[in-house]
Each structure stands twice: as structure tokens, then as C-alpha cells.
Amino acid sequence: MADPPVVGTPESLFFFSGKSSVFEANRPILEVLGTITYFGDDPGAAAVDFQSQVALGYEILLGFLHTLRLVQAEGVDIEAFAGRAEVTMRDYLGLLSPFAKAIKNAEYGPDLGPLHVQAALFDDLIGHRESQGVETVRMREVKHLMDRRIADGHGGQGFSSLFELLGKR
């Protein structure tokens, strides 16, 4: 999880898994590369974490590109918007651990507000995008998930409860 220029600094992240004896024998060499994390004996565990973090990054960036398209369509300076969005994104980072805890415990409070309220907001968000000629496939997918949870009697739960619908069916 690093670009070549930062290899050898704490900013470069390296994930390892597999036989602990092999990892421990090579730890001194590996630590020179950057910050290392060992995920245990399962040889695939490090790859799962790496791929998941990369996928998360792309999901976030695609959402950001969609938002920039909308902002630009409205005539707002996208660089100025990006600076403001960086501040907002810091607040969203604080939701990651609480969401994971809610999912782990299957206890979904109204984290971002009840789904029935969020669904109404999504209707507005989708309508706004459509009025500006911006693609709405991803937003409609989220709205569809919200509508399913509401129909199943979970309208008072929060956004994190959509996790329950993301398994393969």
C-alpha cells in the first residue's frame, strides 16, 4: 500500500500473512521497507485486507468523481469544492468503526438518521443529479437497498443496516 517513492518510510504499508516462523525470521528485513502488519497464519489474509482497502479507495473516488460532475454541472468551482469536501470526508471517517461495531453486533441504530428519512433525501439527490444530466445508477442502487430494508420493517434503522442486504442472493 505504497507508491515506490515512499518505500522505506513509515507511510508505506506492507501486509503479510502465512507461517509465523517465516514472518518472524524475516521481520528485521521487512521492517526496513515501512510499516508492516502481520495478519496471521492464513496465507490469504493479507491479500484480503489489501484488496479490500484498494477497493474501498476506488469506491470512494468514483463517488467523488460523480459528485464533481454534479458540482461542475451546477457551475461551482470544483477545486474549491474539493477543499470543502476534504473537511467533510474527515467526519465520515469517524463512522467506519461505529458501522463495523453495529454490523458485528447486528445492532443497527439510526446512525445517519432513520432509513425512511434517508430514502426521502435520496429521492431528492437522484432528482437533482437527473436534472443536471449526471448518471444515477449507483445512487439508485443505494435507494433500492433502502427501500428493501424499509419494506422489510427496518425503516427506523440507519445506513449501516444496508449491510444485511449486501450478501450474494
C-alpha atoms as a PDB file:
ATOM      1  CA  MET A   1       0.000   0.000   0.000  1.00  0.00           C
ATOM      2  CA  ALA A   2       2.612   2.496  -1.113  1.00  0.00           C
ATOM      3  CA  ASP A   3       3.991   4.235  -4.148  1.00  0.00           C
ATOM      4  CA  PRO A   4       7.679   3.490  -4.802  1.00  0.00           C
ATOM      5  CA  PRO A   5       8.977   6.890  -3.584  1.00  0.00           C
ATOM      6  CA  VAL A   6       7.691   6.265  -0.035  1.00  0.00           C
ATOM      7  CA  VAL A   7       9.013   2.717   0.315  1.00  0.00           C
ATOM      8  CA  GLY A   8      11.347   2.703   3.292  1.00  0.00           C
ATOM      9  CA  THR A   9       9.294   5.271   5.209  1.00  0.00           C
ATOM     10  CA  PRO A  10       6.565   4.720   7.822  1.00  0.00           C
ATOM     11  CA  GLU A  11       3.978   5.906   5.241  1.00  0.00           C
ATOM     12  CA  SER A  12       4.469   2.718   3.207  1.00  0.00           C
ATOM     13  CA  LEU A  13       2.278  -0.098   4.461  1.00  0.00           C
ATOM     14  CA  PHE A  14       3.109  -3.759   3.904  1.00  0.00           C
ATOM     15  CA  PHE A  15       0.747  -6.599   4.757  1.00  0.00           C
ATOM     16  CA  PHE A  16       1.957 -10.116   5.418  1.00  0.00           C
ATOM     17  CA  SER A  17       0.374 -13.444   6.267  1.00  0.00           C
ATOM     18  CA  GLY A  18       1.489 -17.049   6.252  1.00  0.00           C
ATOM     19  CA  LYS A  19       3.708 -19.114   8.513  1.00  0.00           C
ATOM     20  CA  SER A  20       4.546 -17.056  11.572  1.00  0.00           C
ATOM     21  CA  SER A  21       8.001 -18.608  11.846  1.00  0.00           C
ATOM     22  CA  VAL A  22       8.888 -17.422   8.344  1.00  0.00           C
ATOM     23  CA  PHE A  23       7.469 -13.968   9.039  1.00  0.00           C
ATOM     24  CA  GLU A  24       9.355 -13.620  12.332  1.00  0.00           C
ATOM     25  CA  ALA A  25      12.621 -14.810  10.752  1.00  0.00           C
ATOM     26  CA  ASN A  26      12.310 -12.067   8.113  1.00  0.00           C
ATOM     27  CA  ARG A  27      10.782  -9.330  10.258  1.00  0.00           C
ATOM     28  CA  PRO A  28      14.018  -7.266  10.601  1.00  0.00           C
ATOM     29  CA  ILE A  29      14.397  -7.077   6.823  1.00  0.00           C
ATOM     30  CA  LEU A  30      10.708  -6.353   6.259  1.00  0.00           C
ATOM     31  CA  GLU A  31      10.618  -3.528   8.813  1.00  0.00           C
ATOM     32  CA  VAL A  32      13.134  -1.600   6.708  1.00  0.00           C
ATOM     33  CA  LEU A  33      10.502  -1.353   3.967  1.00  0.00           C
ATOM     34  CA  GLY A  34       7.993   0.575   6.078  1.00  0.00           C
ATOM     35  CA  THR A  35       5.129  -0.130   8.446  1.00  0.00           C
ATOM     36  CA  ILE A  36       4.379  -3.839   8.466  1.00  0.00           C
ATOM     37  CA  THR A  37       1.279  -5.670   9.616  1.00  0.00           C
ATOM     38  CA  TYR A  38       1.099  -9.413  10.090  1.00  0.00           C
ATOM     39  CA  PHE A  39      -2.351 -10.993   9.692  1.00  0.00           C
ATOM     40  CA  GLY A  40      -1.634 -14.497  10.940  1.00  0.00           C
ATOM     41  CA  ASP A  41      -1.036 -17.941   9.505  1.00  0.00           C
ATOM     42  CA  ASP A  42      -3.757 -17.876   6.838  1.00  0.00           C
ATOM     43  CA  PRO A  43      -1.712 -17.164   3.687  1.00  0.00           C
ATOM     44  CA  GLY A  44      -4.576 -15.251   2.050  1.00  0.00           C
ATOM     45  CA  ALA A  45      -5.417 -12.932   4.944  1.00  0.00           C
ATOM     46  CA  ALA A  46      -3.039 -10.147   3.915  1.00  0.00           C
ATOM     47  CA  ALA A  47      -4.334 -10.205   0.345  1.00  0.00           C
ATOM     48  CA  VAL A  48      -7.932  -9.904   1.547  1.00  0.00           C
ATOM     49  CA  ASP A  49      -7.073  -6.808   3.571  1.00  0.00           C
ATOM     50  CA  PHE A  50      -5.043  -5.257   0.749  1.00  0.00           C
ATOM     51  CA  GLN A  51      -7.682  -5.835  -1.915  1.00  0.00           C
ATOM     52  CA  SER A  52     -10.447  -4.617   0.370  1.00  0.00           C
ATOM     53  CA  GLN A  53      -8.636  -1.383   1.149  1.00  0.00           C
ATOM     54  CA  VAL A  54      -7.846  -0.745  -2.522  1.00  0.00           C
ATOM     55  CA  ALA A  55     -11.478  -1.456  -3.482  1.00  0.00           C
ATOM     56  CA  LEU A  56     -12.699   0.937  -0.789  1.00  0.00           C
ATOM     57  CA  GLY A  57     -10.453   3.638  -2.182  1.00  0.00           C
ATOM     58  CA  TYR A  58     -11.818   3.195  -5.687  1.00  0.00           C
ATOM     59  CA  GLU A  59     -15.420   3.201  -4.418  1.00  0.00           C
ATOM     60  CA  ILE A  60     -14.792   6.484  -2.626  1.00  0.00           C
ATOM     61  CA  LEU A  61     -13.037   8.024  -5.610  1.00  0.00           C
ATOM     62  CA  LEU A  62     -15.787   7.006  -8.024  1.00  0.00           C
ATOM     63  CA  GLY A  63     -18.366   8.614  -5.746  1.00  0.00           C
ATOM     64  CA  PHE A  64     -16.186  11.721  -5.630  1.00  0.00           C
ATOM     65  CA  LEU A  65     -15.982  11.836  -9.447  1.00  0.00           C
ATOM     66  CA  HIS A  66     -19.770  11.604  -9.678  1.00  0.00           C
ATOM     67  CA  THR A  67     -20.062  14.433  -7.187  1.00  0.00           C
ATOM     68  CA  LEU A  68     -17.558  16.561  -9.112  1.00  0.00           C
ATOM     69  CA  ARG A  69     -19.613  16.027 -12.268  1.00  0.00           C
ATOM     70  CA  LEU A  70     -22.685  17.342 -10.447  1.00  0.00           C
ATOM     71  CA  VAL A  71     -20.841  20.270  -8.877  1.00  0.00           C
ATOM     72  CA  GLN A  72     -19.334  21.234 -12.229  1.00  0.00           C
ATOM     73  CA  ALA A  73     -22.761  20.964 -13.923  1.00  0.00           C
ATOM     74  CA  GLU A  74     -24.060  23.456 -11.356  1.00  0.00           C
ATOM     75  CA  GLY A  75     -21.240  25.868 -12.196  1.00  0.00           C
ATOM     76  CA  VAL A  76     -19.399  25.534  -8.877  1.00  0.00           C
ATOM     77  CA  ASP A  77     -15.602  25.645  -8.885  1.00  0.00           C
ATOM     78  CA  ILE A  78     -14.589  22.014  -8.437  1.00  0.00           C
ATOM     79  CA  GLU A  79     -11.230  22.795  -6.822  1.00  0.00           C
ATOM     80  CA  ALA A  80     -12.842  24.978  -4.184  1.00  0.00           C
ATOM     81  CA  PHE A  81     -15.476  22.292  -3.623  1.00  0.00           C
ATOM     82  CA  ALA A  82     -12.780  19.623  -3.240  1.00  0.00           C
ATOM     83  CA  GLY A  83     -11.182  21.608  -0.417  1.00  0.00           C
ATOM     84  CA  ARG A  84     -14.500  21.782   1.417  1.00  0.00           C
ATOM     85  CA  ALA A  85     -15.195  18.100   0.715  1.00  0.00           C
ATOM     86  CA  GLU A  86     -11.895  17.098   2.354  1.00  0.00           C
ATOM     87  CA  VAL A  87     -13.166  18.544   5.629  1.00  0.00           C
ATOM     88  CA  THR A  88     -16.489  16.719   5.263  1.00  0.00           C
ATOM     89  CA  MET A  89     -14.749  13.425   4.475  1.00  0.00           C
ATOM     90  CA  ARG A  90     -12.895  13.579   7.795  1.00  0.00           C
ATOM     91  CA  ASP A  91     -16.267  13.397   9.533  1.00  0.00           C
ATOM     92  CA  TYR A  92     -17.212  10.327   7.503  1.00  0.00           C
ATOM     93  CA  LEU A  93     -14.007   8.577   8.577  1.00  0.00           C
ATOM     94  CA  GLY A  94     -15.353   8.669  12.117  1.00  0.00           C
ATOM     95  CA  LEU A  95     -18.258   6.464  11.014  1.00  0.00           C
ATOM     96  CA  LEU A  96     -16.140   3.487   9.919  1.00  0.00           C
ATOM     97  CA  SER A  97     -15.532   1.928  13.334  1.00  0.00           C
ATOM     98  CA  PRO A  98     -19.081   2.554  14.649  1.00  0.00           C
ATOM     99  CA  PHE A  99     -20.510   0.993  11.470  1.00  0.00           C
ATOM    100  CA  ALA A 100     -18.249  -2.055  11.870  1.00  0.00           C
ATOM    101  CA  LYS A 101     -19.328  -2.400  15.516  1.00  0.00           C
ATOM    102  CA  ALA A 102     -23.019  -2.145  14.572  1.00  0.00           C
ATOM    103  CA  ILE A 103     -22.552  -4.795  11.897  1.00  0.00           C
ATOM    104  CA  LYS A 104     -20.530  -7.103  14.135  1.00  0.00           C
ATOM    105  CA  ASN A 105     -23.234  -6.902  16.820  1.00  0.00           C
ATOM    106  CA  ALA A 106     -26.156  -6.773  14.346  1.00  0.00           C
ATOM    107  CA  GLU A 107     -27.443  -3.753  16.275  1.00  0.00           C
ATOM    108  CA  TYR A 108     -28.395  -1.023  13.844  1.00  0.00           C
ATOM    109  CA  GLY A 109     -29.304   2.281  15.403  1.00  0.00           C
ATOM    110  CA  PRO A 110     -30.328   5.258  13.275  1.00  0.00           C
ATOM    111  CA  ASP A 111     -26.677   6.201  12.627  1.00  0.00           C
ATOM    112  CA  LEU A 112     -27.165   8.752   9.828  1.00  0.00           C
ATOM    113  CA  GLY A 113     -30.834   9.005  10.636  1.00  0.00           C
ATOM    114  CA  PRO A 114     -33.646   6.504  10.095  1.00  0.00           C
ATOM    115  CA  LEU A 115     -33.682   4.885   6.658  1.00  0.00           C
ATOM    116  CA  HIS A 116     -37.185   6.186   5.932  1.00  0.00           C
ATOM    117  CA  VAL A 117     -35.822   9.745   6.255  1.00  0.00           C
ATOM    118  CA  GLN A 118     -32.672   8.970   4.291  1.00  0.00           C
ATOM    119  CA  ALA A 119     -34.741   7.399   1.491  1.00  0.00           C
ATOM    120  CA  ALA A 120     -36.624  10.668   1.026  1.00  0.00           C
ATOM    121  CA  LEU A 121     -33.294  12.509   0.863  1.00  0.00           C
ATOM    122  CA  PHE A 122     -32.106  10.037  -1.782  1.00  0.00           C
ATOM    123  CA  ASP A 123     -35.144  10.830  -3.924  1.00  0.00           C
ATOM    124  CA  ASP A 124     -34.010  14.472  -3.837  1.00  0.00           C
ATOM    125  CA  LEU A 125     -30.372  13.560  -4.560  1.00  0.00           C
ATOM    126  CA  ILE A 126     -31.353  11.397  -7.528  1.00  0.00           C
ATOM    127  CA  GLY A 127     -33.706  14.041  -8.884  1.00  0.00           C
ATOM    128  CA  HIS A 128     -31.001  16.680  -8.607  1.00  0.00           C
ATOM    129  CA  ARG A 129     -28.486  14.535 -10.495  1.00  0.00           C
ATOM    130  CA  GLU A 130     -31.011  13.753 -13.197  1.00  0.00           C
ATOM    131  CA  SER A 131     -31.840  17.443 -13.615  1.00  0.00           C
ATOM    132  CA  GLN A 132     -28.161  18.098 -14.321  1.00  0.00           C
ATOM    133  CA  GLY A 133     -27.638  15.117 -16.636  1.00  0.00           C
ATOM    134  CA  VAL A 134     -25.451  13.234 -14.153  1.00  0.00           C
ATOM    135  CA  GLU A 135     -25.523   9.422 -14.033  1.00  0.00           C
ATOM    136  CA  THR A 136     -27.640   7.966 -11.204  1.00  0.00           C
ATOM    137  CA  VAL A 137     -27.040   4.194 -11.338  1.00  0.00           C
ATOM    138  CA  ARG A 138     -25.119   3.999  -8.052  1.00  0.00           C
ATOM    139  CA  MET A 139     -27.494   6.319  -6.213  1.00  0.00           C
ATOM    140  CA  ARG A 140     -30.473   4.299  -7.452  1.00  0.00           C
ATOM    141  CA  GLU A 141     -28.794   1.117  -6.226  1.00  0.00           C
ATOM    142  CA  VAL A 142     -28.445   2.601  -2.736  1.00  0.00           C
ATOM    143  CA  LYS A 143     -32.048   3.853  -2.829  1.00  0.00           C
ATOM    144  CA  HIS A 144     -33.209   0.382  -3.863  1.00  0.00           C
ATOM    145  CA  LEU A 145     -31.412  -1.121  -0.855  1.00  0.00           C
ATOM    146  CA  MET A 146     -33.003   1.468   1.433  1.00  0.00           C
ATOM    147  CA  ASP A 147     -36.447   0.712   0.027  1.00  0.00           C
ATOM    148  CA  ARG A 148     -35.924  -3.025   0.575  1.00  0.00           C
ATOM    149  CA  ARG A 149     -34.892  -2.523   4.222  1.00  0.00           C
ATOM    150  CA  ILE A 150     -37.856  -0.223   4.806  1.00  0.00           C
ATOM    151  CA  ALA A 151     -40.231  -2.743   3.189  1.00  0.00           C
ATOM    152  CA  ASP A 152     -38.791  -5.435   5.477  1.00  0.00           C
ATOM    153  CA  GLY A 153     -39.731  -3.328   8.515  1.00  0.00           C
ATOM    154  CA  HIS A 154     -36.339  -1.743   9.240  1.00  0.00           C
ATOM    155  CA  GLY A 155     -37.080   1.886   8.326  1.00  0.00           C
ATOM    156  CA  GLY A 156     -36.032   3.066  11.786  1.00  0.00           C
ATOM    157  CA  GLN A 157     -32.550   1.633  11.409  1.00  0.00           C
ATOM    158  CA  GLY A 158     -29.607   3.505   9.964  1.00  0.00           C
ATOM    159  CA  PHE A 159     -27.480   3.319   6.860  1.00  0.00           C
ATOM    160  CA  SER A 160     -25.202   0.652   8.337  1.00  0.00           C
ATOM    161  CA  SER A 161     -28.129  -1.800   8.269  1.00  0.00           C
ATOM    162  CA  LEU A 162     -27.891  -1.927   4.466  1.00  0.00           C
ATOM    163  CA  PHE A 163     -25.032  -4.327   5.117  1.00  0.00           C
ATOM    164  CA  GLU A 164     -27.653  -7.019   5.693  1.00  0.00           C
ATOM    165  CA  LEU A 165     -28.625  -6.841   2.007  1.00  0.00           C
ATOM    166  CA  LEU A 166     -25.139  -6.996   0.513  1.00  0.00           C
ATOM    167  CA  GLY A 167     -24.686 -10.760   0.627  1.00  0.00           C
ATOM    168  CA  LYS A 168     -24.970 -12.850  -2.511  1.00  0.00           C
ATOM    169  CA  ARG A 169     -28.533 -13.878  -3.252  1.00  0.00           C
END
